[in-house]
């Protein structure tokens, strides 16, 4: 019965990626990485498999995981001044 899904954020940025502090400071880093990635990929899978179109409204920055979320949209609308960035080089 869902005809469309709108994904947007409150605040000045859409999504600036994963919490690298959580991963970097966790006493069990392998678990923290796996936990973060598995949850994110499960969310991506749900969005990709749903029948309704995904509309993504980007304000501010979409970086790292946020860029992946924006790219997943069937329709993406960026606010004036929105920015898109890979974050992997900053993590390394």
C-alpha atoms as a PDB file:
ATOM      1  CA  UNK A   1       0.000   0.000   0.000  1.00  0.00           C
ATOM      2  CA  UNK A   2       3.064   2.289   0.159  1.00  0.00           C
ATOM      3  CA  UNK A   3       3.231   4.331  -3.039  1.00  0.00           C
ATOM      4  CA  UNK A   4       6.537   6.146  -2.425  1.00  0.00           C
ATOM      5  CA  UNK A   5       9.144   6.636   0.294  1.00  0.00           C
ATOM      6  CA  UNK A   6      10.783   9.980   1.034  1.00  0.00           C
ATOM      7  CA  UNK A   7      14.189   9.858   2.698  1.00  0.00           C
ATOM      8  CA  UNK A   8      15.380  13.173   4.117  1.00  0.00           C
ATOM      9  CA  UNK A   9      17.175  14.487   7.153  1.00  0.00           C
ATOM     10  CA  UNK A  10      16.579  17.133   9.760  1.00  0.00           C
ATOM     11  CA  UNK A  11      19.381  19.582  10.347  1.00  0.00           C
ATOM     12  CA  UNK A  12      22.025  21.078   8.134  1.00  0.00           C
ATOM     13  CA  UNK A  13      23.354  17.829   6.560  1.00  0.00           C
ATOM     14  CA  UNK A  14      21.744  14.837   4.920  1.00  0.00           C
ATOM     15  CA  UNK A  15      24.239  12.248   6.209  1.00  0.00           C
ATOM     16  CA  UNK A  16      27.976  12.536   6.781  1.00  0.00           C
ATOM     17  CA  UNK A  17      28.597   8.792   6.992  1.00  0.00           C
ATOM     18  CA  UNK A  18      29.291   6.255   9.673  1.00  0.00           C
ATOM     19  CA  UNK A  19      30.504   6.923  13.183  1.00  0.00           C
ATOM     20  CA  UNK A  20      34.220   6.257  12.825  1.00  0.00           C
ATOM     21  CA  UNK A  21      34.733   7.238  16.466  1.00  0.00           C
ATOM     22  CA  UNK A  22      32.527   4.320  17.515  1.00  0.00           C
ATOM     23  CA  UNK A  23      34.572   1.947  15.371  1.00  0.00           C
ATOM     24  CA  UNK A  24      37.977   3.393  16.224  1.00  0.00           C
ATOM     25  CA  UNK A  25      37.406   3.577  19.970  1.00  0.00           C
ATOM     26  CA  UNK A  26      35.575   0.294  20.449  1.00  0.00           C
ATOM     27  CA  UNK A  27      37.479  -2.370  22.397  1.00  0.00           C
ATOM     28  CA  UNK A  28      36.394  -4.968  19.830  1.00  0.00           C
ATOM     29  CA  UNK A  29      37.046  -3.192  16.527  1.00  0.00           C
ATOM     30  CA  UNK A  30      36.268  -6.169  14.253  1.00  0.00           C
ATOM     31  CA  UNK A  31      32.840  -6.518  15.898  1.00  0.00           C
ATOM     32  CA  UNK A  32      32.221  -2.753  15.677  1.00  0.00           C
ATOM     33  CA  UNK A  33      33.057  -2.713  11.958  1.00  0.00           C
ATOM     34  CA  UNK A  34      30.909  -5.756  11.232  1.00  0.00           C
ATOM     35  CA  UNK A  35      28.014  -4.427  13.287  1.00  0.00           C
ATOM     36  CA  UNK A  36      28.051  -1.076  11.527  1.00  0.00           C
ATOM     37  CA  UNK A  37      28.424  -2.493   8.012  1.00  0.00           C
ATOM     38  CA  UNK A  38      25.860  -5.276   8.417  1.00  0.00           C
ATOM     39  CA  UNK A  39      23.169  -2.907   9.707  1.00  0.00           C
ATOM     40  CA  UNK A  40      23.841  -0.381   6.949  1.00  0.00           C
ATOM     41  CA  UNK A  41      23.837  -3.006   4.197  1.00  0.00           C
ATOM     42  CA  UNK A  42      20.588  -4.465   5.525  1.00  0.00           C
ATOM     43  CA  UNK A  43      18.975  -1.018   5.309  1.00  0.00           C
ATOM     44  CA  UNK A  44      20.306  -0.596   1.755  1.00  0.00           C
ATOM     45  CA  UNK A  45      18.905  -4.009   0.833  1.00  0.00           C
ATOM     46  CA  UNK A  46      15.447  -3.110   2.163  1.00  0.00           C
ATOM     47  CA  UNK A  47      15.391   0.145   0.204  1.00  0.00           C
ATOM     48  CA  UNK A  48      16.605  -1.581  -2.972  1.00  0.00           C
ATOM     49  CA  UNK A  49      14.058  -4.403  -2.782  1.00  0.00           C
ATOM     50  CA  UNK A  50      10.934  -2.397  -2.002  1.00  0.00           C
ATOM     51  CA  UNK A  51       8.369  -1.900  -4.740  1.00  0.00           C
ATOM     52  CA  UNK A  52       7.797   1.794  -4.043  1.00  0.00           C
ATOM     53  CA  UNK A  53      10.120   4.404  -5.537  1.00  0.00           C
ATOM     54  CA  UNK A  54      12.640   5.980  -3.157  1.00  0.00           C
ATOM     55  CA  UNK A  55      12.813   9.759  -3.285  1.00  0.00           C
ATOM     56  CA  UNK A  56      15.904  11.218  -1.618  1.00  0.00           C
ATOM     57  CA  UNK A  57      16.010  14.883  -0.599  1.00  0.00           C
ATOM     58  CA  UNK A  58      19.591  15.978   0.050  1.00  0.00           C
ATOM     59  CA  UNK A  59      20.370  19.078   2.061  1.00  0.00           C
ATOM     60  CA  UNK A  60      23.908  20.010   3.039  1.00  0.00           C
ATOM     61  CA  UNK A  61      26.447  17.195   2.834  1.00  0.00           C
ATOM     62  CA  UNK A  62      25.954  13.609   1.680  1.00  0.00           C
ATOM     63  CA  UNK A  63      29.280  11.907   2.378  1.00  0.00           C
ATOM     64  CA  UNK A  64      30.434   8.321   2.727  1.00  0.00           C
ATOM     65  CA  UNK A  65      27.445   6.186   3.637  1.00  0.00           C
ATOM     66  CA  UNK A  66      25.266   9.232   3.026  1.00  0.00           C
ATOM     67  CA  UNK A  67      26.483   9.376  -0.563  1.00  0.00           C
ATOM     68  CA  UNK A  68      25.541   5.714  -0.979  1.00  0.00           C
ATOM     69  CA  UNK A  69      22.065   6.430   0.401  1.00  0.00           C
ATOM     70  CA  UNK A  70      21.625   9.352  -1.973  1.00  0.00           C
ATOM     71  CA  UNK A  71      22.783   7.300  -4.957  1.00  0.00           C
ATOM     72  CA  UNK A  72      20.263   4.588  -4.091  1.00  0.00           C
ATOM     73  CA  UNK A  73      17.328   6.906  -4.756  1.00  0.00           C
ATOM     74  CA  UNK A  74      15.113   6.480  -7.774  1.00  0.00           C
ATOM     75  CA  UNK A  75      14.747  10.263  -7.671  1.00  0.00           C
ATOM     76  CA  UNK A  76      17.276  12.511  -5.953  1.00  0.00           C
ATOM     77  CA  UNK A  77      16.606  16.172  -5.282  1.00  0.00           C
ATOM     78  CA  UNK A  78      19.529  18.224  -4.035  1.00  0.00           C
ATOM     79  CA  UNK A  79      19.060  21.541  -2.302  1.00  0.00           C
ATOM     80  CA  UNK A  80      21.025  24.481  -3.610  1.00  0.00           C
ATOM     81  CA  UNK A  81      24.481  24.184  -2.103  1.00  0.00           C
ATOM     82  CA  UNK A  82      24.222  20.474  -1.347  1.00  0.00           C
ATOM     83  CA  UNK A  83      27.547  18.630  -1.608  1.00  0.00           C
ATOM     84  CA  UNK A  84      28.439  15.007  -2.291  1.00  0.00           C
ATOM     85  CA  UNK A  85      31.689  13.350  -1.274  1.00  0.00           C
ATOM     86  CA  UNK A  86      33.378   9.996  -0.961  1.00  0.00           C
ATOM     87  CA  UNK A  87      34.796   9.626   2.536  1.00  0.00           C
ATOM     88  CA  UNK A  88      36.926   6.509   2.200  1.00  0.00           C
ATOM     89  CA  UNK A  89      40.167   8.425   1.629  1.00  0.00           C
ATOM     90  CA  UNK A  90      39.566  10.401   4.834  1.00  0.00           C
ATOM     91  CA  UNK A  91      39.032   7.216   6.844  1.00  0.00           C
ATOM     92  CA  UNK A  92      42.323   5.729   5.635  1.00  0.00           C
END
